[in-house]
PDB file of N, CA and C in Angstrom:
ATOM      1  N   MET A   1     226.611  54.694 148.361  1.00  0.00           N
ATOM      2  CA  MET A   1     225.604  53.648 148.429  1.00  0.00           C
ATOM      3  C   MET A   1     224.341  54.064 147.679  1.00  0.00           C
ATOM      4  N   SER A   2     223.835  55.271 147.952  1.00  0.00           N
ATOM      5  CA  SER A   2     222.610  55.744 147.330  1.00  0.00           C
ATOM      6  C   SER A   2     222.785  55.970 145.837  1.00  0.00           C
ATOM      7  N   ALA A   3     223.932  56.520 145.442  1.00  0.00           N
ATOM      8  CA  ALA A   3     224.180  56.783 144.023  1.00  0.00           C
ATOM      9  C   ALA A   3     224.261  55.477 143.244  1.00  0.00           C
ATOM     10  N   THR A   4     224.862  54.456 143.830  1.00  0.00           N
ATOM     11  CA  THR A   4     224.961  53.155 143.157  1.00  0.00           C
ATOM     12  C   THR A   4     223.580  52.540 142.996  1.00  0.00           C
ATOM     13  N   PHE A   5     222.768  52.625 144.024  1.00  0.00           N
ATOM     14  CA  PHE A   5     221.404  52.086 143.941  1.00  0.00           C
ATOM     15  C   PHE A   5     220.602  52.809 142.869  1.00  0.00           C
ATOM     16  N   GLU A   6     220.743  54.111 142.775  1.00  0.00           N
ATOM     17  CA  GLU A   6     220.013  54.882 141.770  1.00  0.00           C
ATOM     18  C   GLU A   6     220.449  54.498 140.370  1.00  0.00           C
ATOM     19  N   GLN A   7     221.736  54.267 140.176  1.00  0.00           N
ATOM     20  CA  GLN A   7     222.217  53.876 138.862  1.00  0.00           C
ATOM     21  C   GLN A   7     221.715  52.492 138.478  1.00  0.00           C
ATOM     22  N   VAL A   8     221.713  51.575 139.417  1.00  0.00           N
ATOM     23  CA  VAL A   8     221.226  50.225 139.156  1.00  0.00           C
ATOM     24  C   VAL A   8     219.721  50.256 138.875  1.00  0.00           C
ATOM     25  N   ALA A   9     218.977  51.029 139.668  1.00  0.00           N
ATOM     26  CA  ALA A   9     217.531  51.143 139.454  1.00  0.00           C
ATOM     27  C   ALA A   9     217.238  51.796 138.093  1.00  0.00           C
ATOM     28  N   GLY A  10     218.002  52.811 137.738  1.00  0.00           N
ATOM     29  CA  GLY A  10     217.822  53.458 136.438  1.00  0.00           C
ATOM     30  C   GLY A  10     218.121  52.517 135.287  1.00  0.00           C
ATOM     31  N   ALA A  11     219.193  51.738 135.413  1.00  0.00           N
ATOM     32  CA  ALA A  11     219.535  50.769 134.369  1.00  0.00           C
ATOM     33  C   ALA A  11     218.446  49.698 134.253  1.00  0.00           C
ATOM     34  N   ALA A  12     217.891  49.278 135.379  1.00  0.00           N
ATOM     35  CA  ALA A  12     216.817  48.283 135.347  1.00  0.00           C
ATOM     36  C   ALA A  12     215.578  48.849 134.661  1.00  0.00           C
ATOM     37  N   LEU A  13     215.233  50.097 134.952  1.00  0.00           N
ATOM     38  CA  LEU A  13     214.092  50.724 134.284  1.00  0.00           C
ATOM     39  C   LEU A  13     214.298  50.827 132.784  1.00  0.00           C
ATOM     40  N   ILE A  14     215.484  51.208 132.377  1.00  0.00           N
ATOM     41  CA  ILE A  14     215.771  51.305 130.948  1.00  0.00           C
ATOM     42  C   ILE A  14     215.643  49.937 130.286  1.00  0.00           C
ATOM     43  N   LEU A  15     216.143  48.891 130.944  1.00  0.00           N
ATOM     44  CA  LEU A  15     216.027  47.550 130.382  1.00  0.00           C
ATOM     45  C   LEU A  15     214.571  47.103 130.275  1.00  0.00           C
ATOM     46  N   VAL A  16     213.759  47.451 131.268  1.00  0.00           N
ATOM     47  CA  VAL A  16     212.332  47.088 131.217  1.00  0.00           C
ATOM     48  C   VAL A  16     211.644  47.810 130.056  1.00  0.00           C
ATOM     49  N   PHE A  17     211.928  49.094 129.897  1.00  0.00           N
ATOM     50  CA  PHE A  17     211.308  49.838 128.799  1.00  0.00           C
ATOM     51  C   PHE A  17     211.794  49.345 127.440  1.00  0.00           C
ATOM     52  N   LEU A  18     213.073  49.014 127.326  1.00  0.00           N
ATOM     53  CA  LEU A  18     213.581  48.477 126.061  1.00  0.00           C
ATOM     54  C   LEU A  18     212.952  47.120 125.748  1.00  0.00           C
ATOM     55  N   ALA A  19     212.793  46.283 126.766  1.00  0.00           N
ATOM     56  CA  ALA A  19     212.137  44.987 126.555  1.00  0.00           C
ATOM     57  C   ALA A  19     210.684  45.183 126.140  1.00  0.00           C
ATOM     58  N   ASP A  20     210.010  46.162 126.732  1.00  0.00           N
ATOM     59  CA  ASP A  20     208.620  46.444 126.370  1.00  0.00           C
ATOM     60  C   ASP A  20     208.518  46.892 124.923  1.00  0.00           C
ATOM     61  N   VAL A  21     209.395  47.796 124.508  1.00  0.00           N
ATOM     62  CA  VAL A  21     209.382  48.254 123.119  1.00  0.00           C
ATOM     63  C   VAL A  21     209.695  47.097 122.185  1.00  0.00           C
ATOM     64  N   PHE A  22     210.670  46.291 122.526  1.00  0.00           N
ATOM     65  CA  PHE A  22     211.039  45.144 121.706  1.00  0.00           C
ATOM     66  C   PHE A  22     209.859  44.192 121.541  1.00  0.00           C
ATOM     67  N   MET A  23     209.198  43.871 122.642  1.00  0.00           N
ATOM     68  CA  MET A  23     208.079  42.926 122.570  1.00  0.00           C
ATOM     69  C   MET A  23     206.867  43.535 121.885  1.00  0.00           C
ATOM     70  N   THR A  24     206.633  44.822 122.070  1.00  0.00           N
ATOM     71  CA  THR A  24     205.474  45.471 121.472  1.00  0.00           C
ATOM     72  C   THR A  24     205.643  45.635 119.972  1.00  0.00           C
ATOM     73  N   VAL A  25     206.828  46.012 119.526  1.00  0.00           N
ATOM     74  CA  VAL A  25     207.053  46.279 118.107  1.00  0.00           C
ATOM     75  C   VAL A  25     207.292  44.997 117.327  1.00  0.00           C
ATOM     76  N   LEU A  26     208.142  44.135 117.823  1.00  0.00           N
ATOM     77  CA  LEU A  26     208.494  42.945 117.051  1.00  0.00           C
ATOM     78  C   LEU A  26     207.472  41.821 117.164  1.00  0.00           C
ATOM     79  N   TYR A  27     206.730  41.797 118.245  1.00  0.00           N
ATOM     80  CA  TYR A  27     205.717  40.766 118.428  1.00  0.00           C
ATOM     81  C   TYR A  27     204.337  41.408 118.580  1.00  0.00           C
ATOM     82  N   ALA A  28     204.027  42.333 117.705  1.00  0.00           N
ATOM     83  CA  ALA A  28     202.789  43.100 117.825  1.00  0.00           C
ATOM     84  C   ALA A  28     201.552  42.221 117.668  1.00  0.00           C
ATOM     85  N   ARG A  29     201.590  41.264 116.780  1.00  0.00           N
ATOM     86  CA  ARG A  29     200.405  40.427 116.557  1.00  0.00           C
ATOM     87  C   ARG A  29     200.153  39.453 117.692  1.00  0.00           C
ATOM     88  N   ALA A  30     201.162  39.185 118.473  1.00  0.00           N
ATOM     89  CA  ALA A  30     200.996  38.257 119.593  1.00  0.00           C
ATOM     90  C   ALA A  30     200.353  38.938 120.790  1.00  0.00           C
ATOM     91  N   GLY A  31     200.287  40.275 120.775  1.00  0.00           N
ATOM     92  CA  GLY A  31     199.683  41.010 121.882  1.00  0.00           C
ATOM     93  C   GLY A  31     200.534  41.014 123.133  1.00  0.00           C
ATOM     94  N   THR A  32     201.835  40.863 122.945  1.00  0.00           N
ATOM     95  CA  THR A  32     202.712  40.842 124.103  1.00  0.00           C
ATOM     96  C   THR A  32     203.223  42.237 124.414  1.00  0.00           C
ATOM     97  N   GLY A  33     203.726  42.400 125.573  1.00  0.00           N
ATOM     98  CA  GLY A  33     204.280  43.666 126.016  1.00  0.00           C
ATOM     99  C   GLY A  33     204.264  43.682 127.527  1.00  0.00           C
ATOM    100  N   LEU A  34     205.279  44.276 128.106  1.00  0.00           N
ATOM    101  CA  LEU A  34     205.336  44.314 129.566  1.00  0.00           C
ATOM    102  C   LEU A  34     204.489  45.439 130.133  1.00  0.00           C
ATOM    103  N   LEU A  35     204.601  46.613 129.548  1.00  0.00           N
ATOM    104  CA  LEU A  35     203.911  47.783 130.070  1.00  0.00           C
ATOM    105  C   LEU A  35     202.866  48.342 129.115  1.00  0.00           C
ATOM    106  N   ALA A  36     202.997  48.079 127.848  1.00  0.00           N
ATOM    107  CA  ALA A  36     202.124  48.682 126.845  1.00  0.00           C
ATOM    108  C   ALA A  36     200.633  48.413 127.089  1.00  0.00           C
ATOM    109  N   PRO A  37     200.224  47.199 127.437  1.00  0.00           N
ATOM    110  CA  PRO A  37     198.782  46.991 127.673  1.00  0.00           C
ATOM    111  C   PRO A  37     198.241  47.848 128.822  1.00  0.00           C
ATOM    112  N   TYR A  38     199.048  48.044 129.861  1.00  0.00           N
ATOM    113  CA  TYR A  38     198.595  48.839 130.998  1.00  0.00           C
ATOM    114  C   TYR A  38     198.535  50.322 130.644  1.00  0.00           C
ATOM    115  N   TRP A  39     199.536  50.800 129.900  1.00  0.00           N
ATOM    116  CA  TRP A  39     199.520  52.193 129.444  1.00  0.00           C
ATOM    117  C   TRP A  39     198.327  52.425 128.540  1.00  0.00           C
ATOM    118  N   ASN A  40     198.047  51.461 127.675  1.00  0.00           N
ATOM    119  CA  ASN A  40     196.922  51.584 126.746  1.00  0.00           C
ATOM    120  C   ASN A  40     195.609  51.714 127.512  1.00  0.00           C
ATOM    121  N   ARG A  41     195.402  50.865 128.503  1.00  0.00           N
ATOM    122  CA  ARG A  41     194.170  50.933 129.307  1.00  0.00           C
ATOM    123  C   ARG A  41     194.082  52.236 130.093  1.00  0.00           C
ATOM    124  N   ALA A  42     195.210  52.701 130.615  1.00  0.00           N
ATOM    125  CA  ALA A  42     195.211  53.938 131.401  1.00  0.00           C
ATOM    126  C   ALA A  42     194.859  55.141 130.528  1.00  0.00           C
ATOM    127  N   VAL A  43     195.405  55.194 129.325  1.00  0.00           N
ATOM    128  CA  VAL A  43     195.105  56.313 128.430  1.00  0.00           C
ATOM    129  C   VAL A  43     193.638  56.296 128.035  1.00  0.00           C
ATOM    130  N   TRP A  44     193.102  55.120 127.715  1.00  0.00           N
ATOM    131  CA  TRP A  44     191.684  55.042 127.366  1.00  0.00           C
ATOM    132  C   TRP A  44     190.806  55.444 128.543  1.00  0.00           C
ATOM    133  N   ALA A  45     191.188  55.057 129.746  1.00  0.00           N
ATOM    134  CA  ALA A  45     190.404  55.428 130.927  1.00  0.00           C
ATOM    135  C   ALA A  45     190.384  56.938 131.126  1.00  0.00           C
ATOM    136  N   VAL A  46     191.507  57.592 130.879  1.00  0.00           N
ATOM    137  CA  VAL A  46     191.570  59.049 131.030  1.00  0.00           C
ATOM    138  C   VAL A  46     190.652  59.727 130.023  1.00  0.00           C
ATOM    139  N   PHE A  47     190.618  59.235 128.798  1.00  0.00           N
ATOM    140  CA  PHE A  47     189.769  59.861 127.788  1.00  0.00           C
ATOM    141  C   PHE A  47     188.295  59.512 127.944  1.00  0.00           C
ATOM    142  N   ARG A  48     187.985  58.440 128.658  1.00  0.00           N
ATOM    143  CA  ARG A  48     186.579  58.074 128.867  1.00  0.00           C
ATOM    144  C   ARG A  48     185.952  58.804 130.048  1.00  0.00           C
ATOM    145  N   ILE A  49     186.750  59.389 130.925  1.00  0.00           N
ATOM    146  CA  ILE A  49     186.216  60.063 132.107  1.00  0.00           C
ATOM    147  C   ILE A  49     185.218  61.159 131.737  1.00  0.00           C
ATOM    148  N   PRO A  50     185.510  62.055 130.782  1.00  0.00           N
ATOM    149  CA  PRO A  50     184.520  63.092 130.451  1.00  0.00           C
ATOM    150  C   PRO A  50     183.221  62.524 129.882  1.00  0.00           C
ATOM    151  N   ASN A  51     183.272  61.354 129.286  1.00  0.00           N
ATOM    152  CA  ASN A  51     182.071  60.772 128.689  1.00  0.00           C
ATOM    153  C   ASN A  51     181.130  60.177 129.728  1.00  0.00           C
ATOM    154  N   HIS A  52     181.597  59.932 130.921  1.00  0.00           N
ATOM    155  CA  HIS A  52     180.749  59.313 131.942  1.00  0.00           C
ATOM    156  C   HIS A  52     180.059  60.330 132.844  1.00  0.00           C
ATOM    157  N   GLN A  53     180.251  61.595 132.598  1.00  0.00           N
ATOM    158  CA  GLN A  53     179.580  62.602 133.398  1.00  0.00           C
ATOM    159  C   GLN A  53     178.131  62.740 132.924  1.00  0.00           C
ATOM    160  N   PRO A  54     177.202  62.870 133.835  1.00  0.00           N
ATOM    161  CA  PRO A  54     175.810  62.996 133.426  1.00  0.00           C
ATOM    162  C   PRO A  54     175.552  64.290 132.664  1.00  0.00           C
ATOM    163  N   VAL A  55     174.679  64.206 131.720  1.00  0.00           N
ATOM    164  CA  VAL A  55     174.302  65.389 130.939  1.00  0.00           C
ATOM    165  C   VAL A  55     173.169  66.099 131.666  1.00  0.00           C
ATOM    166  N   ILE A  56     173.360  67.357 131.978  1.00  0.00           N
ATOM    167  CA  ILE A  56     172.328  68.135 132.654  1.00  0.00           C
ATOM    168  C   ILE A  56     171.569  68.916 131.594  1.00  0.00           C
ATOM    169  N   ARG A  57     170.285  68.592 131.482  1.00  0.00           N
ATOM    170  CA  ARG A  57     169.452  69.263 130.489  1.00  0.00           C
ATOM    171  C   ARG A  57     168.400  70.110 131.201  1.00  0.00           C
ATOM    172  N   PRO A  58     168.134  71.256 130.676  1.00  0.00           N
ATOM    173  CA  PRO A  58     167.122  72.092 131.332  1.00  0.00           C
ATOM    174  C   PRO A  58     165.729  71.493 131.145  1.00  0.00           C
ATOM    175  N   LEU A  59     164.892  71.676 132.157  1.00  0.00           N
ATOM    176  CA  LEU A  59     163.516  71.199 132.068  1.00  0.00           C
ATOM    177  C   LEU A  59     162.709  72.162 131.196  1.00  0.00           C
ATOM    178  N   LEU A  60     161.957  71.623 130.300  1.00  0.00           N
ATOM    179  CA  LEU A  60     161.138  72.469 129.427  1.00  0.00           C
ATOM    180  C   LEU A  60     159.704  72.524 129.885  1.00  0.00           C
TER     181      LEU A  60
END
Protein backbone atom coordinates (compact mmCIF):
# COMPACT_ATOMS: atom_id res chain seq x y z
CA MET A 1 0.00 0.00 0.00
CA SER A 2 2.70 2.49 1.02
CA ALA A 3 4.99 1.65 -1.90
CA THR A 4 2.14 2.15 -4.39
CA PHE A 5 1.26 5.52 -2.87
CA GLU A 6 4.89 6.63 -3.05
CA GLN A 7 5.13 5.65 -6.69
CA VAL A 8 1.92 7.48 -7.57
CA ALA A 9 3.02 10.56 -5.60
CA GLY A 10 6.43 10.48 -7.30
CA ALA A 11 4.86 10.18 -10.74
CA ALA A 12 2.55 13.11 -9.94
CA LEU A 13 5.51 15.25 -8.85
CA ILE A 14 7.39 14.44 -12.02
CA LEU A 15 4.35 15.38 -14.11
CA VAL A 16 3.99 18.69 -12.25
CA PHE A 17 7.66 19.54 -12.79
CA LEU A 18 7.50 18.55 -16.47
CA ALA A 19 4.39 20.70 -16.94
CA ASP A 20 6.16 23.60 -15.23
CA VAL A 21 9.19 23.29 -17.50
CA PHE A 22 6.95 22.98 -20.55
CA MET A 23 4.96 26.08 -19.64
CA THR A 24 8.01 28.10 -18.58
CA VAL A 25 10.12 27.33 -21.65
CA LEU A 26 7.54 27.19 -24.41
CA TYR A 27 5.31 29.97 -23.13
CA ALA A 28 7.98 32.20 -21.62
CA ARG A 29 6.53 35.48 -22.90
CA ALA A 30 3.13 34.70 -21.45
CA GLY A 31 4.60 34.55 -17.94
CA THR A 32 3.05 31.19 -17.25
CA GLY A 33 4.42 28.46 -15.07
CA LEU A 34 3.18 26.35 -12.21
CA LEU A 35 6.14 26.59 -9.87
CA ALA A 36 8.66 28.87 -11.55
CA PRO A 37 7.19 32.19 -10.33
CA TYR A 38 7.25 30.96 -6.72
CA TRP A 39 10.80 29.62 -7.00
CA ASN A 40 11.86 32.91 -8.57
CA ARG A 41 10.40 34.94 -5.68
CA ALA A 42 11.91 32.59 -3.09
CA VAL A 43 15.40 32.85 -4.57
CA TRP A 44 15.20 36.64 -4.74
CA ALA A 45 14.00 36.76 -1.13
CA VAL A 46 16.98 34.67 0.00
CA PHE A 47 19.43 36.99 -1.73
CA ARG A 48 17.74 40.13 -0.39
CA ILE A 49 17.98 39.05 3.27
CA PRO A 50 21.61 40.24 3.72
CA ASN A 51 20.71 43.61 2.20
CA HIS A 52 18.06 44.35 4.82
CA GLN A 53 20.37 44.14 7.80
CA PRO A 54 21.15 47.51 9.35
CA VAL A 55 24.60 48.92 8.79
CA ILE A 56 26.41 49.54 12.06
CA ARG A 57 28.76 52.47 11.75
CA PRO A 58 31.11 53.63 14.45
CA LEU A 59 30.41 57.00 16.02
CA LEU A 60 33.05 59.57 15.19
